[in-house]
PDB file of N, CA and C in Angstrom:
ATOM      1  N   UNK A   1     -12.334 -33.860 -19.386  1.00  0.00           N
ATOM      2  CA  UNK A   1     -11.489 -34.443 -18.339  1.00  0.00           C
ATOM      3  C   UNK A   1     -12.359 -35.380 -17.504  1.00  0.00           C
ATOM      4  N   UNK A   2     -11.887 -36.594 -17.334  1.00  0.00           N
ATOM      5  CA  UNK A   2     -12.620 -37.571 -16.556  1.00  0.00           C
ATOM      6  C   UNK A   2     -12.382 -37.391 -15.068  1.00  0.00           C
ATOM      7  N   UNK A   3     -13.144 -38.114 -14.292  1.00  0.00           N
ATOM      8  CA  UNK A   3     -13.044 -38.026 -12.832  1.00  0.00           C
ATOM      9  C   UNK A   3     -11.664 -38.448 -12.335  1.00  0.00           C
ATOM     10  N   UNK A   4     -11.079 -39.463 -13.001  1.00  0.00           N
ATOM     11  CA  UNK A   4      -9.753 -39.924 -12.591  1.00  0.00           C
ATOM     12  C   UNK A   4      -8.706 -38.825 -12.761  1.00  0.00           C
ATOM     13  N   UNK A   5      -8.765 -38.158 -13.910  1.00  0.00           N
ATOM     14  CA  UNK A   5      -7.810 -37.080 -14.166  1.00  0.00           C
ATOM     15  C   UNK A   5      -7.995 -35.932 -13.183  1.00  0.00           C
ATOM     16  N   UNK A   6      -9.245 -35.608 -12.898  1.00  0.00           N
ATOM     17  CA  UNK A   6      -9.549 -34.532 -11.954  1.00  0.00           C
ATOM     18  C   UNK A   6      -9.015 -34.863 -10.563  1.00  0.00           C
ATOM     19  N   UNK A   7      -9.239 -36.086 -10.115  1.00  0.00           N
ATOM     20  CA  UNK A   7      -8.748 -36.502  -8.800  1.00  0.00           C
ATOM     21  C   UNK A   7      -7.226 -36.512  -8.755  1.00  0.00           C
ATOM     22  N   UNK A   8      -6.607 -36.980  -9.823  1.00  0.00           N
ATOM     23  CA  UNK A   8      -5.146 -37.000  -9.889  1.00  0.00           C
ATOM     24  C   UNK A   8      -4.586 -35.580  -9.863  1.00  0.00           C
ATOM     25  N   UNK A   9      -5.210 -34.690 -10.614  1.00  0.00           N
ATOM     26  CA  UNK A   9      -4.765 -33.294 -10.641  1.00  0.00           C
ATOM     27  C   UNK A   9      -4.867 -32.664  -9.251  1.00  0.00           C
ATOM     28  N   UNK A  10      -5.962 -32.916  -8.571  1.00  0.00           N
ATOM     29  CA  UNK A  10      -6.138 -32.376  -7.213  1.00  0.00           C
ATOM     30  C   UNK A  10      -5.105 -32.948  -6.251  1.00  0.00           C
ATOM     31  N   UNK A  11      -4.834 -34.234  -6.356  1.00  0.00           N
ATOM     32  CA  UNK A  11      -3.850 -34.872  -5.476  1.00  0.00           C
ATOM     33  C   UNK A  11      -2.456 -34.310  -5.727  1.00  0.00           C
ATOM     34  N   UNK A  12      -2.125 -34.100  -6.996  1.00  0.00           N
ATOM     35  CA  UNK A  12      -0.815 -33.533  -7.328  1.00  0.00           C
ATOM     36  C   UNK A  12      -0.686 -32.110  -6.793  1.00  0.00           C
ATOM     37  N   UNK A  13      -1.732 -31.328  -6.937  1.00  0.00           N
ATOM     38  CA  UNK A  13      -1.719 -29.947  -6.437  1.00  0.00           C
ATOM     39  C   UNK A  13      -1.566 -29.933  -4.920  1.00  0.00           C
ATOM     40  N   UNK A  14      -2.284 -30.815  -4.249  1.00  0.00           N
ATOM     41  CA  UNK A  14      -2.187 -30.898  -2.787  1.00  0.00           C
ATOM     42  C   UNK A  14      -0.767 -31.274  -2.372  1.00  0.00           C
ATOM     43  N   UNK A  15      -0.167 -32.204  -3.073  1.00  0.00           N
ATOM     44  CA  UNK A  15       1.201 -32.626  -2.776  1.00  0.00           C
ATOM     45  C   UNK A  15       2.202 -31.497  -2.962  1.00  0.00           C
ATOM     46  N   UNK A  16       2.038 -30.733  -4.024  1.00  0.00           N
ATOM     47  CA  UNK A  16       2.932 -29.588  -4.260  1.00  0.00           C
ATOM     48  C   UNK A  16       2.777 -28.557  -3.148  1.00  0.00           C
ATOM     49  N   UNK A  17       1.539 -28.279  -2.763  1.00  0.00           N
ATOM     50  CA  UNK A  17       1.299 -27.303  -1.699  1.00  0.00           C
ATOM     51  C   UNK A  17       1.895 -27.762  -0.377  1.00  0.00           C
ATOM     52  N   UNK A  18       1.768 -29.045  -0.075  1.00  0.00           N
ATOM     53  CA  UNK A  18       2.345 -29.579   1.163  1.00  0.00           C
ATOM     54  C   UNK A  18       3.867 -29.478   1.132  1.00  0.00           C
ATOM     55  N   UNK A  19       4.458 -29.723  -0.023  1.00  0.00           N
ATOM     56  CA  UNK A  19       5.906 -29.605  -0.169  1.00  0.00           C
ATOM     57  C   UNK A  19       6.374 -28.177   0.036  1.00  0.00           C
ATOM     58  N   UNK A  20       5.628 -27.234  -0.501  1.00  0.00           N
ATOM     59  CA  UNK A  20       5.973 -25.817  -0.315  1.00  0.00           C
ATOM     60  C   UNK A  20       5.881 -25.431   1.155  1.00  0.00           C
ATOM     61  N   UNK A  21       4.863 -25.928   1.815  1.00  0.00           N
ATOM     62  CA  UNK A  21       4.672 -25.621   3.238  1.00  0.00           C
ATOM     63  C   UNK A  21       5.835 -26.184   4.054  1.00  0.00           C
ATOM     64  N   UNK A  22       6.224 -27.419   3.766  1.00  0.00           N
ATOM     65  CA  UNK A  22       7.348 -28.039   4.484  1.00  0.00           C
ATOM     66  C   UNK A  22       8.630 -27.238   4.282  1.00  0.00           C
ATOM     67  N   UNK A  23       8.848 -26.758   3.071  1.00  0.00           N
ATOM     68  CA  UNK A  23      10.037 -25.952   2.782  1.00  0.00           C
ATOM     69  C   UNK A  23       9.985 -24.623   3.531  1.00  0.00           C
ATOM     70  N   UNK A  24       8.810 -24.001   3.570  1.00  0.00           N
ATOM     71  CA  UNK A  24       8.660 -22.734   4.297  1.00  0.00           C
ATOM     72  C   UNK A  24       8.938 -22.932   5.781  1.00  0.00           C
ATOM     73  N   UNK A  25       8.477 -24.041   6.336  1.00  0.00           N
ATOM     74  CA  UNK A  25       8.716 -24.339   7.746  1.00  0.00           C
ATOM     75  C   UNK A  25      10.208 -24.540   7.999  1.00  0.00           C
ATOM     76  N   UNK A  26      10.882 -25.253   7.113  1.00  0.00           N
ATOM     77  CA  UNK A  26      12.319 -25.482   7.273  1.00  0.00           C
ATOM     78  C   UNK A  26      13.088 -24.164   7.214  1.00  0.00           C
ATOM     79  N   UNK A  27      12.719 -23.307   6.291  1.00  0.00           N
ATOM     80  CA  UNK A  27      13.373 -22.002   6.175  1.00  0.00           C
ATOM     81  C   UNK A  27      13.103 -21.168   7.420  1.00  0.00           C
ATOM     82  N   UNK A  28      11.862 -21.149   7.865  1.00  0.00           N
ATOM     83  CA  UNK A  28      11.502 -20.376   9.056  1.00  0.00           C
ATOM     84  C   UNK A  28      12.259 -20.869  10.281  1.00  0.00           C
ATOM     85  N   UNK A  29      12.408 -22.169  10.384  1.00  0.00           N
ATOM     86  CA  UNK A  29      13.136 -22.742  11.523  1.00  0.00           C
ATOM     87  C   UNK A  29      14.581 -22.234  11.541  1.00  0.00           C
ATOM     88  N   UNK A  30      15.218 -22.210  10.389  1.00  0.00           N
ATOM     89  CA  UNK A  30      16.596 -21.715  10.298  1.00  0.00           C
ATOM     90  C   UNK A  30      16.667 -20.216  10.585  1.00  0.00           C
ATOM     91  N   UNK A  31      15.716 -19.472  10.068  1.00  0.00           N
ATOM     92  CA  UNK A  31      15.691 -18.025  10.314  1.00  0.00           C
ATOM     93  C   UNK A  31      15.520 -17.741  11.802  1.00  0.00           C
ATOM     94  N   UNK A  32      14.664 -18.535  12.439  1.00  0.00           N
ATOM     95  CA  UNK A  32      14.430 -18.357  13.876  1.00  0.00           C
ATOM     96  C   UNK A  32      15.700 -18.680  14.661  1.00  0.00           C
ATOM     97  N   UNK A  33      16.413 -19.733  14.257  1.00  0.00           N
ATOM     98  CA  UNK A  33      17.680 -20.088  14.912  1.00  0.00           C
ATOM     99  C   UNK A  33      18.689 -18.950  14.819  1.00  0.00           C
ATOM    100  N   UNK A  34      18.644 -18.221  13.705  1.00  0.00           N
ATOM    101  CA  UNK A  34      19.569 -17.107  13.489  1.00  0.00           C
ATOM    102  C   UNK A  34      19.132 -15.842  14.227  1.00  0.00           C
ATOM    103  N   UNK A  35      17.971 -15.905  14.874  1.00  0.00           N
ATOM    104  CA  UNK A  35      17.513 -14.776  15.674  1.00  0.00           C
ATOM    105  C   UNK A  35      16.779 -13.690  14.906  1.00  0.00           C
ATOM    106  N   UNK A  36      16.300 -14.010  13.713  1.00  0.00           N
ATOM    107  CA  UNK A  36      15.565 -13.012  12.936  1.00  0.00           C
ATOM    108  C   UNK A  36      14.194 -12.757  13.558  1.00  0.00           C
ATOM    109  N   UNK A  37      13.684 -11.540  13.431  1.00  0.00           N
ATOM    110  CA  UNK A  37      12.375 -11.208  14.007  1.00  0.00           C
ATOM    111  C   UNK A  37      11.244 -12.001  13.346  1.00  0.00           C
ATOM    112  N   UNK A  38      10.233 -12.311  14.135  1.00  0.00           N
ATOM    113  CA  UNK A  38       9.087 -13.078  13.642  1.00  0.00           C
ATOM    114  C   UNK A  38       8.437 -12.366  12.453  1.00  0.00           C
ATOM    115  N   UNK A  39       8.332 -11.047  12.512  1.00  0.00           N
ATOM    116  CA  UNK A  39       7.710 -10.298  11.411  1.00  0.00           C
ATOM    117  C   UNK A  39       8.457 -10.521  10.100  1.00  0.00           C
ATOM    118  N   UNK A  40       9.759 -10.580  10.168  1.00  0.00           N
ATOM    119  CA  UNK A  40      10.558 -10.793   8.960  1.00  0.00           C
ATOM    120  C   UNK A  40      10.395 -12.232   8.463  1.00  0.00           C
ATOM    121  N   UNK A  41      10.372 -13.181   9.378  1.00  0.00           N
ATOM    122  CA  UNK A  41      10.175 -14.585   9.003  1.00  0.00           C
ATOM    123  C   UNK A  41       8.820 -14.739   8.320  1.00  0.00           C
ATOM    124  N   UNK A  42       7.806 -14.114   8.897  1.00  0.00           N
ATOM    125  CA  UNK A  42       6.457 -14.170   8.333  1.00  0.00           C
ATOM    126  C   UNK A  42       6.448 -13.605   6.916  1.00  0.00           C
ATOM    127  N   UNK A  43       7.106 -12.473   6.735  1.00  0.00           N
ATOM    128  CA  UNK A  43       7.142 -11.812   5.427  1.00  0.00           C
ATOM    129  C   UNK A  43       7.761 -12.707   4.355  1.00  0.00           C
ATOM    130  N   UNK A  44       8.843 -13.383   4.699  1.00  0.00           N
ATOM    131  CA  UNK A  44       9.572 -14.159   3.697  1.00  0.00           C
ATOM    132  C   UNK A  44       9.060 -15.585   3.511  1.00  0.00           C
ATOM    133  N   UNK A  45       8.352 -16.131   4.498  1.00  0.00           N
ATOM    134  CA  UNK A  45       7.882 -17.512   4.370  1.00  0.00           C
ATOM    135  C   UNK A  45       6.386 -17.634   4.124  1.00  0.00           C
ATOM    136  N   UNK A  46       5.638 -16.599   4.503  1.00  0.00           N
ATOM    137  CA  UNK A  46       4.189 -16.673   4.365  1.00  0.00           C
ATOM    138  C   UNK A  46       3.513 -17.434   5.490  1.00  0.00           C
ATOM    139  N   UNK A  47       4.287 -17.864   6.481  1.00  0.00           N
ATOM    140  CA  UNK A  47       3.710 -18.561   7.626  1.00  0.00           C
ATOM    141  C   UNK A  47       3.073 -17.552   8.573  1.00  0.00           C
ATOM    142  N   UNK A  48       2.125 -18.024   9.369  1.00  0.00           N
ATOM    143  CA  UNK A  48       1.498 -17.149  10.357  1.00  0.00           C
ATOM    144  C   UNK A  48       2.407 -17.004  11.572  1.00  0.00           C
ATOM    145  N   UNK A  49       2.138 -15.979  12.367  1.00  0.00           N
ATOM    146  CA  UNK A  49       2.897 -15.758  13.597  1.00  0.00           C
ATOM    147  C   UNK A  49       2.778 -16.986  14.497  1.00  0.00           C
ATOM    148  N   UNK A  50       1.584 -17.550  14.579  1.00  0.00           N
ATOM    149  CA  UNK A  50       1.362 -18.727  15.423  1.00  0.00           C
ATOM    150  C   UNK A  50       2.201 -19.910  14.954  1.00  0.00           C
ATOM    151  N   UNK A  51       2.252 -20.123  13.648  1.00  0.00           N
ATOM    152  CA  UNK A  51       3.051 -21.230  13.107  1.00  0.00           C
ATOM    153  C   UNK A  51       4.532 -21.029  13.423  1.00  0.00           C
ATOM    154  N   UNK A  52       5.001 -19.811  13.306  1.00  0.00           N
ATOM    155  CA  UNK A  52       6.410 -19.514  13.563  1.00  0.00           C
ATOM    156  C   UNK A  52       6.735 -19.692  15.037  1.00  0.00           C
ATOM    157  N   UNK A  53       5.859 -19.225  15.902  1.00  0.00           N
ATOM    158  CA  UNK A  53       6.110 -19.333  17.339  1.00  0.00           C
ATOM    159  C   UNK A  53       6.139 -20.780  17.817  1.00  0.00           C
ATOM    160  N   UNK A  54       5.463 -21.680  17.112  1.00  0.00           N
ATOM    161  CA  UNK A  54       5.451 -23.102  17.480  1.00  0.00           C
ATOM    162  C   UNK A  54       6.753 -23.812  17.126  1.00  0.00           C
ATOM    163  N   UNK A  55       7.576 -23.190  16.283  1.00  0.00           N
ATOM    164  CA  UNK A  55       8.816 -23.840  15.837  1.00  0.00           C
ATOM    165  C   UNK A  55       9.855 -23.849  16.930  1.00  0.00           C
TER     166      UNK A  55
END
């Protein structure tokens, strides 16, 4: 695997991870609007308590 392929693979992985994070934040925001407990939001989204409280 050349350097170009390695860099492209890393960029694609980073993009996928960022997309997953954005989706988790959107889900957490909706869960918070519905009044669900932070512990439950954390369990289902994988976000930290601090991240959830900032929403």
